[in-house]
Amino acid sequence: EFALIKVRAVDRTSRDEVIQMANIFRAK
């Protein structure tokens, strides 16, 4: 299946964590 997920990321730390999580799951 394919999913688009819009996530709140209001500061640099949360953006970095979301990006890192996306990389772990091979998401983009």
mmCIF file of all heavy atoms, coordinates in Angstrom:
data_MODEL
# 
_entry.id   MODEL 
# 
loop_
_atom_site.group_PDB 
_atom_site.id 
_atom_site.type_symbol 
_atom_site.label_atom_id 
_atom_site.label_alt_id 
_atom_site.label_comp_id 
_atom_site.label_asym_id 
_atom_site.label_entity_id 
_atom_site.label_seq_id 
_atom_site.pdbx_PDB_ins_code 
_atom_site.Cartn_x 
_atom_site.Cartn_y 
_atom_site.Cartn_z 
_atom_site.occupancy 
_atom_site.B_iso_or_equiv 
_atom_site.pdbx_formal_charge 
_atom_site.auth_seq_id 
_atom_site.auth_comp_id 
_atom_site.auth_asym_id 
_atom_site.auth_atom_id 
_atom_site.pdbx_PDB_model_num 
ATOM 1   N N   . GLU A 1 1  ? 0.852  -1.183 0.000  1.00 0.00 ? 1  GLU A N   1 
ATOM 2   C CA  . GLU A 1 1  ? 0.000  0.000  0.000  1.00 0.00 ? 1  GLU A CA  1 
ATOM 3   C C   . GLU A 1 1  ? 0.889  1.235  0.000  1.00 0.00 ? 1  GLU A C   1 
ATOM 4   O O   . GLU A 1 1  ? 2.079  1.156  0.298  1.00 0.00 ? 1  GLU A O   1 
ATOM 5   C CB  . GLU A 1 1  ? -0.963 0.002  1.186  1.00 0.00 ? 1  GLU A CB  1 
ATOM 6   C CG  . GLU A 1 1  ? -0.340 0.204  2.535  1.00 0.00 ? 1  GLU A CG  1 
ATOM 7   C CD  . GLU A 1 1  ? -1.356 0.247  3.674  1.00 0.00 ? 1  GLU A CD  1 
ATOM 8   O OE1 . GLU A 1 1  ? -2.506 -0.181 3.496  1.00 0.00 ? 1  GLU A OE1 1 
ATOM 9   O OE2 . GLU A 1 1  ? -0.976 0.716  4.746  1.00 0.00 ? 1  GLU A OE2 1 
ATOM 10  N N   . PHE A 1 2  ? 0.303  2.364  -0.337 1.00 0.00 ? 2  PHE A N   1 
ATOM 11  C CA  . PHE A 1 2  ? 1.015  3.634  -0.404 1.00 0.00 ? 2  PHE A CA  1 
ATOM 12  C C   . PHE A 1 2  ? 0.327  4.602  0.545  1.00 0.00 ? 2  PHE A C   1 
ATOM 13  O O   . PHE A 1 2  ? -0.904 4.606  0.636  1.00 0.00 ? 2  PHE A O   1 
ATOM 14  C CB  . PHE A 1 2  ? 0.973  4.173  -1.847 1.00 0.00 ? 2  PHE A CB  1 
ATOM 15  C CG  . PHE A 1 2  ? 1.661  5.490  -2.021 1.00 0.00 ? 2  PHE A CG  1 
ATOM 16  C CD1 . PHE A 1 2  ? 3.038  5.591  -1.933 1.00 0.00 ? 2  PHE A CD1 1 
ATOM 17  C CD2 . PHE A 1 2  ? 0.936  6.639  -2.263 1.00 0.00 ? 2  PHE A CD2 1 
ATOM 18  C CE1 . PHE A 1 2  ? 3.674  6.804  -2.086 1.00 0.00 ? 2  PHE A CE1 1 
ATOM 19  C CE2 . PHE A 1 2  ? 1.558  7.862  -2.420 1.00 0.00 ? 2  PHE A CE2 1 
ATOM 20  C CZ  . PHE A 1 2  ? 2.936  7.942  -2.339 1.00 0.00 ? 2  PHE A CZ  1 
ATOM 21  N N   . ALA A 1 3  ? 1.116  5.393  1.274  1.00 0.00 ? 3  ALA A N   1 
ATOM 22  C CA  . ALA A 1 3  ? 0.533  6.357  2.207  1.00 0.00 ? 3  ALA A CA  1 
ATOM 23  C C   . ALA A 1 3  ? 1.291  7.677  2.160  1.00 0.00 ? 3  ALA A C   1 
ATOM 24  O O   . ALA A 1 3  ? 2.516  7.702  2.007  1.00 0.00 ? 3  ALA A O   1 
ATOM 25  C CB  . ALA A 1 3  ? 0.547  5.805  3.630  1.00 0.00 ? 3  ALA A CB  1 
ATOM 26  N N   . LEU A 1 4  ? 0.541  8.753  2.292  1.00 0.00 ? 4  LEU A N   1 
ATOM 27  C CA  . LEU A 1 4  ? 1.095  10.093 2.476  1.00 0.00 ? 4  LEU A CA  1 
ATOM 28  C C   . LEU A 1 4  ? 0.710  10.525 3.886  1.00 0.00 ? 4  LEU A C   1 
ATOM 29  O O   . LEU A 1 4  ? -0.478 10.467 4.249  1.00 0.00 ? 4  LEU A O   1 
ATOM 30  C CB  . LEU A 1 4  ? 0.510  11.074 1.455  1.00 0.00 ? 4  LEU A CB  1 
ATOM 31  C CG  . LEU A 1 4  ? 0.763  10.754 -0.014 1.00 0.00 ? 4  LEU A CG  1 
ATOM 32  C CD1 . LEU A 1 4  ? 0.010  11.751 -0.898 1.00 0.00 ? 4  LEU A CD1 1 
ATOM 33  C CD2 . LEU A 1 4  ? 2.248  10.794 -0.322 1.00 0.00 ? 4  LEU A CD2 1 
ATOM 34  N N   . ILE A 1 5  ? 1.690  10.953 4.677  1.00 0.00 ? 5  ILE A N   1 
ATOM 35  C CA  . ILE A 1 5  ? 1.452  11.305 6.069  1.00 0.00 ? 5  ILE A CA  1 
ATOM 36  C C   . ILE A 1 5  ? 1.994  12.707 6.313  1.00 0.00 ? 5  ILE A C   1 
ATOM 37  O O   . ILE A 1 5  ? 3.199  12.940 6.178  1.00 0.00 ? 5  ILE A O   1 
ATOM 38  C CB  . ILE A 1 5  ? 2.156  10.305 7.019  1.00 0.00 ? 5  ILE A CB  1 
ATOM 39  C CG1 . ILE A 1 5  ? 1.810  8.864  6.630  1.00 0.00 ? 5  ILE A CG1 1 
ATOM 40  C CG2 . ILE A 1 5  ? 1.811  10.598 8.469  1.00 0.00 ? 5  ILE A CG2 1 
ATOM 41  C CD1 . ILE A 1 5  ? 2.823  7.842  7.081  1.00 0.00 ? 5  ILE A CD1 1 
ATOM 42  N N   . LYS A 1 6  ? 1.116  13.640 6.667  1.00 0.00 ? 6  LYS A N   1 
ATOM 43  C CA  . LYS A 1 6  ? 1.529  15.003 6.972  1.00 0.00 ? 6  LYS A CA  1 
ATOM 44  C C   . LYS A 1 6  ? 1.707  15.108 8.479  1.00 0.00 ? 6  LYS A C   1 
ATOM 45  O O   . LYS A 1 6  ? 0.783  14.841 9.246  1.00 0.00 ? 6  LYS A O   1 
ATOM 46  C CB  . LYS A 1 6  ? 0.498  16.026 6.493  1.00 0.00 ? 6  LYS A CB  1 
ATOM 47  C CG  . LYS A 1 6  ? 0.979  17.464 6.637  1.00 0.00 ? 6  LYS A CG  1 
ATOM 48  C CD  . LYS A 1 6  ? -0.047 18.465 6.176  1.00 0.00 ? 6  LYS A CD  1 
ATOM 49  C CE  . LYS A 1 6  ? -0.294 18.320 4.692  1.00 0.00 ? 6  LYS A CE  1 
ATOM 50  N NZ  . LYS A 1 6  ? -1.204 19.362 4.183  1.00 0.00 ? 6  LYS A NZ  1 
ATOM 51  N N   . VAL A 1 7  ? 2.924  15.487 8.902  1.00 0.00 ? 7  VAL A N   1 
ATOM 52  C CA  . VAL A 1 7  ? 3.298  15.487 10.311 1.00 0.00 ? 7  VAL A CA  1 
ATOM 53  C C   . VAL A 1 7  ? 3.694  16.892 10.751 1.00 0.00 ? 7  VAL A C   1 
ATOM 54  O O   . VAL A 1 7  ? 4.362  17.618 10.014 1.00 0.00 ? 7  VAL A O   1 
ATOM 55  C CB  . VAL A 1 7  ? 4.504  14.537 10.539 1.00 0.00 ? 7  VAL A CB  1 
ATOM 56  C CG1 . VAL A 1 7  ? 4.898  14.472 11.992 1.00 0.00 ? 7  VAL A CG1 1 
ATOM 57  C CG2 . VAL A 1 7  ? 4.217  13.163 9.996  1.00 0.00 ? 7  VAL A CG2 1 
ATOM 58  N N   . ARG A 1 8  ? 3.305  17.224 11.971 1.00 0.00 ? 8  ARG A N   1 
ATOM 59  C CA  . ARG A 1 8  ? 3.712  18.508 12.558 1.00 0.00 ? 8  ARG A CA  1 
ATOM 60  C C   . ARG A 1 8  ? 5.208  18.426 12.874 1.00 0.00 ? 8  ARG A C   1 
ATOM 61  O O   . ARG A 1 8  ? 5.677  17.461 13.472 1.00 0.00 ? 8  ARG A O   1 
ATOM 62  C CB  . ARG A 1 8  ? 2.924  18.769 13.840 1.00 0.00 ? 8  ARG A CB  1 
ATOM 63  C CG  . ARG A 1 8  ? 3.152  20.129 14.450 1.00 0.00 ? 8  ARG A CG  1 
ATOM 64  C CD  . ARG A 1 8  ? 2.365  20.355 15.741 1.00 0.00 ? 8  ARG A CD  1 
ATOM 65  N NE  . ARG A 1 8  ? 1.033  19.777 15.749 1.00 0.00 ? 8  ARG A NE  1 
ATOM 66  C CZ  . ARG A 1 8  ? -0.066 20.350 15.237 1.00 0.00 ? 8  ARG A CZ  1 
ATOM 67  N NH1 . ARG A 1 8  ? 0.025  21.527 14.659 1.00 0.00 ? 8  ARG A NH1 1 
ATOM 68  N NH2 . ARG A 1 8  ? -1.235 19.755 15.314 1.00 0.00 ? 8  ARG A NH2 1 
ATOM 69  N N   . ALA A 1 9  ? 5.952  19.448 12.462 1.00 0.00 ? 9  ALA A N   1 
ATOM 70  C CA  . ALA A 1 9  ? 7.391  19.534 12.743 1.00 0.00 ? 9  ALA A CA  1 
ATOM 71  C C   . ALA A 1 9  ? 7.737  21.008 12.847 1.00 0.00 ? 9  ALA A C   1 
ATOM 72  O O   . ALA A 1 9  ? 8.174  21.625 11.878 1.00 0.00 ? 9  ALA A O   1 
ATOM 73  C CB  . ALA A 1 9  ? 8.193  18.835 11.658 1.00 0.00 ? 9  ALA A CB  1 
ATOM 74  N N   . VAL A 1 10 ? 7.537  21.583 14.024 1.00 0.00 ? 10 VAL A N   1 
ATOM 75  C CA  . VAL A 1 10 ? 7.637  23.034 14.192 1.00 0.00 ? 10 VAL A CA  1 
ATOM 76  C C   . VAL A 1 10 ? 9.048  23.543 14.472 1.00 0.00 ? 10 VAL A C   1 
ATOM 77  O O   . VAL A 1 10 ? 9.310  24.729 14.336 1.00 0.00 ? 10 VAL A O   1 
ATOM 78  C CB  . VAL A 1 10 ? 6.678  23.532 15.306 1.00 0.00 ? 10 VAL A CB  1 
ATOM 79  C CG1 . VAL A 1 10 ? 5.236  23.366 14.875 1.00 0.00 ? 10 VAL A CG1 1 
ATOM 80  C CG2 . VAL A 1 10 ? 6.938  22.815 16.607 1.00 0.00 ? 10 VAL A CG2 1 
ATOM 81  N N   . ASP A 1 11 ? 9.954  22.649 14.855 1.00 0.00 ? 11 ASP A N   1 
ATOM 82  C CA  . ASP A 1 11 ? 11.327 23.092 15.104 1.00 0.00 ? 11 ASP A CA  1 
ATOM 83  C C   . ASP A 1 11 ? 12.319 22.144 14.433 1.00 0.00 ? 11 ASP A C   1 
ATOM 84  O O   . ASP A 1 11 ? 11.962 21.077 13.940 1.00 0.00 ? 11 ASP A O   1 
ATOM 85  C CB  . ASP A 1 11 ? 11.606 23.222 16.602 1.00 0.00 ? 11 ASP A CB  1 
ATOM 86  C CG  . ASP A 1 11 ? 11.385 21.924 17.365 1.00 0.00 ? 11 ASP A CG  1 
ATOM 87  O OD1 . ASP A 1 11 ? 11.608 20.846 16.783 1.00 0.00 ? 11 ASP A OD1 1 
ATOM 88  O OD2 . ASP A 1 11 ? 10.977 21.993 18.534 1.00 0.00 ? 11 ASP A OD2 1 
ATOM 89  N N   . ARG A 1 12 ? 13.562 22.569 14.414 1.00 0.00 ? 12 ARG A N   1 
ATOM 90  C CA  . ARG A 1 12 ? 14.623 21.805 13.740 1.00 0.00 ? 12 ARG A CA  1 
ATOM 91  C C   . ARG A 1 12 ? 14.760 20.397 14.328 1.00 0.00 ? 12 ARG A C   1 
ATOM 92  O O   . ARG A 1 12 ? 14.924 19.422 13.589 1.00 0.00 ? 12 ARG A O   1 
ATOM 93  C CB  . ARG A 1 12 ? 15.946 22.557 13.833 1.00 0.00 ? 12 ARG A CB  1 
ATOM 94  C CG  . ARG A 1 12 ? 17.103 21.800 13.192 1.00 0.00 ? 12 ARG A CG  1 
ATOM 95  C CD  . ARG A 1 12 ? 18.407 22.541 13.325 1.00 0.00 ? 12 ARG A CD  1 
ATOM 96  N NE  . ARG A 1 12 ? 18.481 23.671 12.418 1.00 0.00 ? 12 ARG A NE  1 
ATOM 97  C CZ  . ARG A 1 12 ? 18.984 23.607 11.192 1.00 0.00 ? 12 ARG A CZ  1 
ATOM 98  N NH1 . ARG A 1 12 ? 19.417 22.458 10.732 1.00 0.00 ? 12 ARG A NH1 1 
ATOM 99  N NH2 . ARG A 1 12 ? 19.042 24.670 10.429 1.00 0.00 ? 12 ARG A NH2 1 
ATOM 100 N N   . THR A 1 13 ? 14.667 20.274 15.633 1.00 0.00 ? 13 THR A N   1 
ATOM 101 C CA  . THR A 1 13 ? 14.829 18.970 16.287 1.00 0.00 ? 13 THR A CA  1 
ATOM 102 C C   . THR A 1 13 ? 13.757 17.990 15.838 1.00 0.00 ? 13 THR A C   1 
ATOM 103 O O   . THR A 1 13 ? 14.062 16.846 15.464 1.00 0.00 ? 13 THR A O   1 
ATOM 104 C CB  . THR A 1 13 ? 14.783 19.129 17.824 1.00 0.00 ? 13 THR A CB  1 
ATOM 105 O OG1 . THR A 1 13 ? 15.791 20.066 18.222 1.00 0.00 ? 13 THR A OG1 1 
ATOM 106 C CG2 . THR A 1 13 ? 15.014 17.808 18.516 1.00 0.00 ? 13 THR A CG2 1 
ATOM 107 N N   . SER A 1 14 ? 12.518 18.426 15.853 1.00 0.00 ? 14 SER A N   1 
ATOM 108 C CA  . SER A 1 14 ? 11.447 17.517 15.438 1.00 0.00 ? 14 SER A CA  1 
ATOM 109 C C   . SER A 1 14 ? 11.545 17.191 13.947 1.00 0.00 ? 14 SER A C   1 
ATOM 110 O O   . SER A 1 14 ? 11.305 16.055 13.539 1.00 0.00 ? 14 SER A O   1 
ATOM 111 C CB  . SER A 1 14 ? 10.066 18.067 15.805 1.00 0.00 ? 14 SER A CB  1 
ATOM 112 O OG  . SER A 1 14 ? 9.839  19.314 15.220 1.00 0.00 ? 14 SER A OG  1 
ATOM 113 N N   . ARG A 1 15 ? 11.922 18.172 13.112 1.00 0.00 ? 15 ARG A N   1 
ATOM 114 C CA  . ARG A 1 15 ? 12.106 17.893 11.678 1.00 0.00 ? 15 ARG A CA  1 
ATOM 115 C C   . ARG A 1 15 ? 13.200 16.847 11.475 1.00 0.00 ? 15 ARG A C   1 
ATOM 116 O O   . ARG A 1 15 ? 13.033 15.905 10.709 1.00 0.00 ? 15 ARG A O   1 
ATOM 117 C CB  . ARG A 1 15 ? 12.446 19.178 10.907 1.00 0.00 ? 15 ARG A CB  1 
ATOM 118 C CG  . ARG A 1 15 ? 11.227 19.979 10.508 1.00 0.00 ? 15 ARG A CG  1 
ATOM 119 C CD  . ARG A 1 15 ? 11.566 21.053 9.498  1.00 0.00 ? 15 ARG A CD  1 
ATOM 120 N NE  . ARG A 1 15 ? 12.504 22.047 9.993  1.00 0.00 ? 15 ARG A NE  1 
ATOM 121 C CZ  . ARG A 1 15 ? 12.187 23.104 10.735 1.00 0.00 ? 15 ARG A CZ  1 
ATOM 122 N NH1 . ARG A 1 15 ? 10.932 23.303 11.088 1.00 0.00 ? 15 ARG A NH1 1 
ATOM 123 N NH2 . ARG A 1 15 ? 13.101 23.956 11.129 1.00 0.00 ? 15 ARG A NH2 1 
ATOM 124 N N   . ASP A 1 16 ? 14.318 17.014 12.176 1.00 0.00 ? 16 ASP A N   1 
ATOM 125 C CA  . ASP A 1 16 ? 15.418 16.054 12.052 1.00 0.00 ? 16 ASP A CA  1 
ATOM 126 C C   . ASP A 1 16 ? 14.981 14.652 12.487 1.00 0.00 ? 16 ASP A C   1 
ATOM 127 O O   . ASP A 1 16 ? 15.338 13.660 11.853 1.00 0.00 ? 16 ASP A O   1 
ATOM 128 C CB  . ASP A 1 16 ? 16.627 16.505 12.883 1.00 0.00 ? 16 ASP A CB  1 
ATOM 129 C CG  . ASP A 1 16 ? 17.333 17.715 12.282 1.00 0.00 ? 16 ASP A CG  1 
ATOM 130 O OD1 . ASP A 1 16 ? 17.063 18.031 11.089 1.00 0.00 ? 16 ASP A OD1 1 
ATOM 131 O OD2 . ASP A 1 16 ? 18.142 18.347 12.989 1.00 0.00 ? 16 ASP A OD2 1 
ATOM 132 N N   . GLU A 1 17 ? 14.204 14.563 13.568 1.00 0.00 ? 17 GLU A N   1 
ATOM 133 C CA  . GLU A 1 17 ? 13.742 13.261 14.054 1.00 0.00 ? 17 GLU A CA  1 
ATOM 134 C C   . GLU A 1 17 ? 12.784 12.600 13.062 1.00 0.00 ? 17 GLU A C   1 
ATOM 135 O O   . GLU A 1 17 ? 12.863 11.391 12.830 1.00 0.00 ? 17 GLU A O   1 
ATOM 136 C CB  . GLU A 1 17 ? 13.075 13.416 15.421 1.00 0.00 ? 17 GLU A CB  1 
ATOM 137 C CG  . GLU A 1 17 ? 14.056 13.686 16.539 1.00 0.00 ? 17 GLU A CG  1 
ATOM 138 C CD  . GLU A 1 17 ? 13.363 13.813 17.880 1.00 0.00 ? 17 GLU A CD  1 
ATOM 139 O OE1 . GLU A 1 17 ? 12.383 13.079 18.133 1.00 0.00 ? 17 GLU A OE1 1 
ATOM 140 O OE2 . GLU A 1 17 ? 13.817 14.656 18.688 1.00 0.00 ? 17 GLU A OE2 1 
ATOM 141 N N   . VAL A 1 18 ? 11.888 13.385 12.478 1.00 0.00 ? 18 VAL A N   1 
ATOM 142 C CA  . VAL A 1 18 ? 10.945 12.836 11.495 1.00 0.00 ? 18 VAL A CA  1 
ATOM 143 C C   . VAL A 1 18 ? 11.709 12.362 10.257 1.00 0.00 ? 18 VAL A C   1 
ATOM 144 O O   . VAL A 1 18 ? 11.447 11.274 9.735  1.00 0.00 ? 18 VAL A O   1 
ATOM 145 C CB  . VAL A 1 18 ? 9.847  13.862 11.122 1.00 0.00 ? 18 VAL A CB  1 
ATOM 146 C CG1 . VAL A 1 18 ? 9.033  13.388 9.923  1.00 0.00 ? 18 VAL A CG1 1 
ATOM 147 C CG2 . VAL A 1 18 ? 8.941  14.131 12.310 1.00 0.00 ? 18 VAL A CG2 1 
ATOM 148 N N   . ILE A 1 19 ? 12.674 13.145 9.811  1.00 0.00 ? 19 ILE A N   1 
ATOM 149 C CA  . ILE A 1 19 ? 13.482 12.761 8.651  1.00 0.00 ? 19 ILE A CA  1 
ATOM 150 C C   . ILE A 1 19 ? 14.256 11.477 8.946  1.00 0.00 ? 19 ILE A C   1 
ATOM 151 O O   . ILE A 1 19 ? 14.311 10.559 8.115  1.00 0.00 ? 19 ILE A O   1 
ATOM 152 C CB  . ILE A 1 19 ? 14.436 13.906 8.238  1.00 0.00 ? 19 ILE A CB  1 
ATOM 153 C CG1 . ILE A 1 19 ? 13.624 15.064 7.657  1.00 0.00 ? 19 ILE A CG1 1 
ATOM 154 C CG2 . ILE A 1 19 ? 15.492 13.421 7.239  1.00 0.00 ? 19 ILE A CG2 1 
ATOM 155 C CD1 . ILE A 1 19 ? 14.401 16.356 7.471  1.00 0.00 ? 19 ILE A CD1 1 
ATOM 156 N N   . GLN A 1 20 ? 14.820 11.376 10.139 1.00 0.00 ? 20 GLN A N   1 
ATOM 157 C CA  . GLN A 1 20 ? 15.558 10.179 10.528 1.00 0.00 ? 20 GLN A CA  1 
ATOM 158 C C   . GLN A 1 20 ? 14.633 8.957  10.557 1.00 0.00 ? 20 GLN A C   1 
ATOM 159 O O   . GLN A 1 20 ? 14.985 7.881  10.068 1.00 0.00 ? 20 GLN A O   1 
ATOM 160 C CB  . GLN A 1 20 ? 16.206 10.402 11.894 1.00 0.00 ? 20 GLN A CB  1 
ATOM 161 C CG  . GLN A 1 20 ? 17.151 9.316  12.307 1.00 0.00 ? 20 GLN A CG  1 
ATOM 162 C CD  . GLN A 1 20 ? 17.843 9.654  13.618 1.00 0.00 ? 20 GLN A CD  1 
ATOM 163 O OE1 . GLN A 1 20 ? 17.316 10.407 14.439 1.00 0.00 ? 20 GLN A OE1 1 
ATOM 164 N NE2 . GLN A 1 20 ? 19.034 9.095  13.807 1.00 0.00 ? 20 GLN A NE2 1 
ATOM 165 N N   . MET A 1 21 ? 13.435 9.137  11.105 1.00 0.00 ? 21 MET A N   1 
ATOM 166 C CA  . MET A 1 21 ? 12.467 8.039  11.146 1.00 0.00 ? 21 MET A CA  1 
ATOM 167 C C   . MET A 1 21 ? 12.060 7.613  9.729  1.00 0.00 ? 21 MET A C   1 
ATOM 168 O O   . MET A 1 21 ? 11.961 6.424  9.432  1.00 0.00 ? 21 MET A O   1 
ATOM 169 C CB  . MET A 1 21 ? 11.229 8.461  11.934 1.00 0.00 ? 21 MET A CB  1 
ATOM 170 C CG  . MET A 1 21 ? 10.823 7.440  12.952 1.00 0.00 ? 21 MET A CG  1 
ATOM 171 S SD  . MET A 1 21 ? 9.553  8.096  13.983 1.00 0.00 ? 21 MET A SD  1 
ATOM 172 C CE  . MET A 1 21 ? 10.553 8.935  15.192 1.00 0.00 ? 21 MET A CE  1 
ATOM 173 N N   . ALA A 1 22 ? 11.828 8.584  8.866  1.00 0.00 ? 22 ALA A N   1 
ATOM 174 C CA  . ALA A 1 22 ? 11.479 8.285  7.472  1.00 0.00 ? 22 ALA A CA  1 
ATOM 175 C C   . ALA A 1 22 ? 12.590 7.466  6.815  1.00 0.00 ? 22 ALA A C   1 
ATOM 176 O O   . ALA A 1 22 ? 12.326 6.488  6.118  1.00 0.00 ? 22 ALA A O   1 
ATOM 177 C CB  . ALA A 1 22 ? 11.220 9.574  6.700  1.00 0.00 ? 22 ALA A CB  1 
ATOM 178 N N   . ASN A 1 23 ? 13.831 7.840  7.059  1.00 0.00 ? 23 ASN A N   1 
ATOM 179 C CA  . ASN A 1 23 ? 14.969 7.102  6.487  1.00 0.00 ? 23 ASN A CA  1 
ATOM 180 C C   . ASN A 1 23 ? 15.027 5.669  6.997  1.00 0.00 ? 23 ASN A C   1 
ATOM 181 O O   . ASN A 1 23 ? 15.300 4.749  6.228  1.00 0.00 ? 23 ASN A O   1 
ATOM 182 C CB  . ASN A 1 23 ? 16.281 7.822  6.784  1.00 0.00 ? 23 ASN A CB  1 
ATOM 183 C CG  . ASN A 1 23 ? 16.427 9.101  5.988  1.00 0.00 ? 23 ASN A CG  1 
ATOM 184 O OD1 . ASN A 1 23 ? 15.819 9.257  4.926  1.00 0.00 ? 23 ASN A OD1 1 
ATOM 185 N ND2 . ASN A 1 23 ? 17.216 10.030 6.500  1.00 0.00 ? 23 ASN A ND2 1 
ATOM 186 N N   . ILE A 1 24 ? 14.768 5.472  8.269  1.00 0.00 ? 24 ILE A N   1 
ATOM 187 C CA  . ILE A 1 24 ? 14.784 4.124  8.840  1.00 0.00 ? 24 ILE A CA  1 
ATOM 188 C C   . ILE A 1 24 ? 13.746 3.240  8.151  1.00 0.00 ? 24 ILE A C   1 
ATOM 189 O O   . ILE A 1 24 ? 13.991 2.073  7.874  1.00 0.00 ? 24 ILE A O   1 
ATOM 190 C CB  . ILE A 1 24 ? 14.535 4.179  10.364 1.00 0.00 ? 24 ILE A CB  1 
ATOM 191 C CG1 . ILE A 1 24 ? 15.747 4.792  11.066 1.00 0.00 ? 24 ILE A CG1 1 
ATOM 192 C CG2 . ILE A 1 24 ? 14.220 2.788  10.927 1.00 0.00 ? 24 ILE A CG2 1 
ATOM 193 C CD1 . ILE A 1 24 ? 15.516 5.136  12.523 1.00 0.00 ? 24 ILE A CD1 1 
ATOM 194 N N   . PHE A 1 25 ? 12.578 3.800  7.850  1.00 0.00 ? 25 PHE A N   1 
ATOM 195 C CA  . PHE A 1 25 ? 11.492 3.049  7.216  1.00 0.00 ? 25 PHE A CA  1 
ATOM 196 C C   . PHE A 1 25 ? 11.577 3.072  5.686  1.00 0.00 ? 25 PHE A C   1 
ATOM 197 O O   . PHE A 1 25 ? 10.674 2.612  5.003  1.00 0.00 ? 25 PHE A O   1 
ATOM 198 C CB  . PHE A 1 25 ? 10.134 3.594  7.670  1.00 0.00 ? 25 PHE A CB  1 
ATOM 199 C CG  . PHE A 1 25 ? 9.734  3.136  9.038  1.00 0.00 ? 25 PHE A CG  1 
ATOM 200 C CD1 . PHE A 1 25 ? 10.135 3.836  10.166 1.00 0.00 ? 25 PHE A CD1 1 
ATOM 201 C CD2 . PHE A 1 25 ? 8.960  1.998  9.206  1.00 0.00 ? 25 PHE A CD2 1 
ATOM 202 C CE1 . PHE A 1 25 ? 9.769  3.412  11.433 1.00 0.00 ? 25 PHE A CE1 1 
ATOM 203 C CE2 . PHE A 1 25 ? 8.586  1.567  10.464 1.00 0.00 ? 25 PHE A CE2 1 
ATOM 204 C CZ  . PHE A 1 25 ? 9.006  2.279  11.588 1.00 0.00 ? 25 PHE A CZ  1 
ATOM 205 N N   . ARG A 1 26 ? 12.650 3.640  5.145  1.00 0.00 ? 26 ARG A N   1 
ATOM 206 C CA  . ARG A 1 26 ? 12.833 3.793  3.694  1.00 0.00 ? 26 ARG A CA  1 
ATOM 207 C C   . ARG A 1 26 ? 11.678 4.566  3.056  1.00 0.00 ? 26 ARG A C   1 
ATOM 208 O O   . ARG A 1 26 ? 11.237 4.274  1.949  1.00 0.00 ? 26 ARG A O   1 
ATOM 209 C CB  . ARG A 1 26 ? 13.021 2.439  3.013  1.00 0.00 ? 26 ARG A CB  1 
ATOM 210 C CG  . ARG A 1 26 ? 14.302 1.758  3.414  1.00 0.00 ? 26 ARG A CG  1 
ATOM 211 C CD  . ARG A 1 26 ? 14.545 0.525  2.581  1.00 0.00 ? 26 ARG A CD  1 
ATOM 212 N NE  . ARG A 1 26 ? 15.667 -0.207 3.149  1.00 0.00 ? 26 ARG A NE  1 
ATOM 213 C CZ  . ARG A 1 26 ? 15.630 -1.497 3.409  1.00 0.00 ? 26 ARG A CZ  1 
ATOM 214 N NH1 . ARG A 1 26 ? 14.554 -2.195 3.155  1.00 0.00 ? 26 ARG A NH1 1 
ATOM 215 N NH2 . ARG A 1 26 ? 16.675 -2.092 3.913  1.00 0.00 ? 26 ARG A NH2 1 
ATOM 216 N N   . ALA A 1 27 ? 11.188 5.542  3.797  1.00 0.00 ? 27 ALA A N   1 
ATOM 217 C CA  . ALA A 1 27 ? 10.152 6.440  3.290  1.00 0.00 ? 27 ALA A CA  1 
ATOM 218 C C   . ALA A 1 27 ? 10.850 7.693  2.757  1.00 0.00 ? 27 ALA A C   1 
ATOM 219 O O   . ALA A 1 27 ? 12.053 7.876  2.951  1.00 0.00 ? 27 ALA A O   1 
ATOM 220 C CB  . ALA A 1 27 ? 9.176  6.783  4.409  1.00 0.00 ? 27 ALA A CB  1 
ATOM 221 N N   . LYS A 1 28 ? 10.092 8.535  2.096  1.00 0.00 ? 28 LYS A N   1 
ATOM 222 C CA  . LYS A 1 28 ? 10.661 9.756  1.527  1.00 0.00 ? 28 LYS A CA  1 
ATOM 223 C C   . LYS A 1 28 ? 9.907  10.978 2.036  1.00 0.00 ? 28 LYS A C   1 
ATOM 224 O O   . LYS A 1 28 ? 8.697  10.941 2.205  1.00 0.00 ? 28 LYS A O   1 
ATOM 225 C CB  . LYS A 1 28 ? 10.577 9.717  0.008  1.00 0.00 ? 28 LYS A CB  1 
ATOM 226 C CG  . LYS A 1 28 ? 11.363 8.593  -0.611 1.00 0.00 ? 28 LYS A CG  1 
ATOM 227 C CD  . LYS A 1 28 ? 11.607 8.853  -2.072 1.00 0.00 ? 28 LYS A CD  1 
ATOM 228 C CE  . LYS A 1 28 ? 12.376 7.769  -2.750 1.00 0.00 ? 28 LYS A CE  1 
ATOM 229 N NZ  . LYS A 1 28 ? 13.564 7.317  -2.143 1.00 0.00 ? 28 LYS A NZ  1 
# 
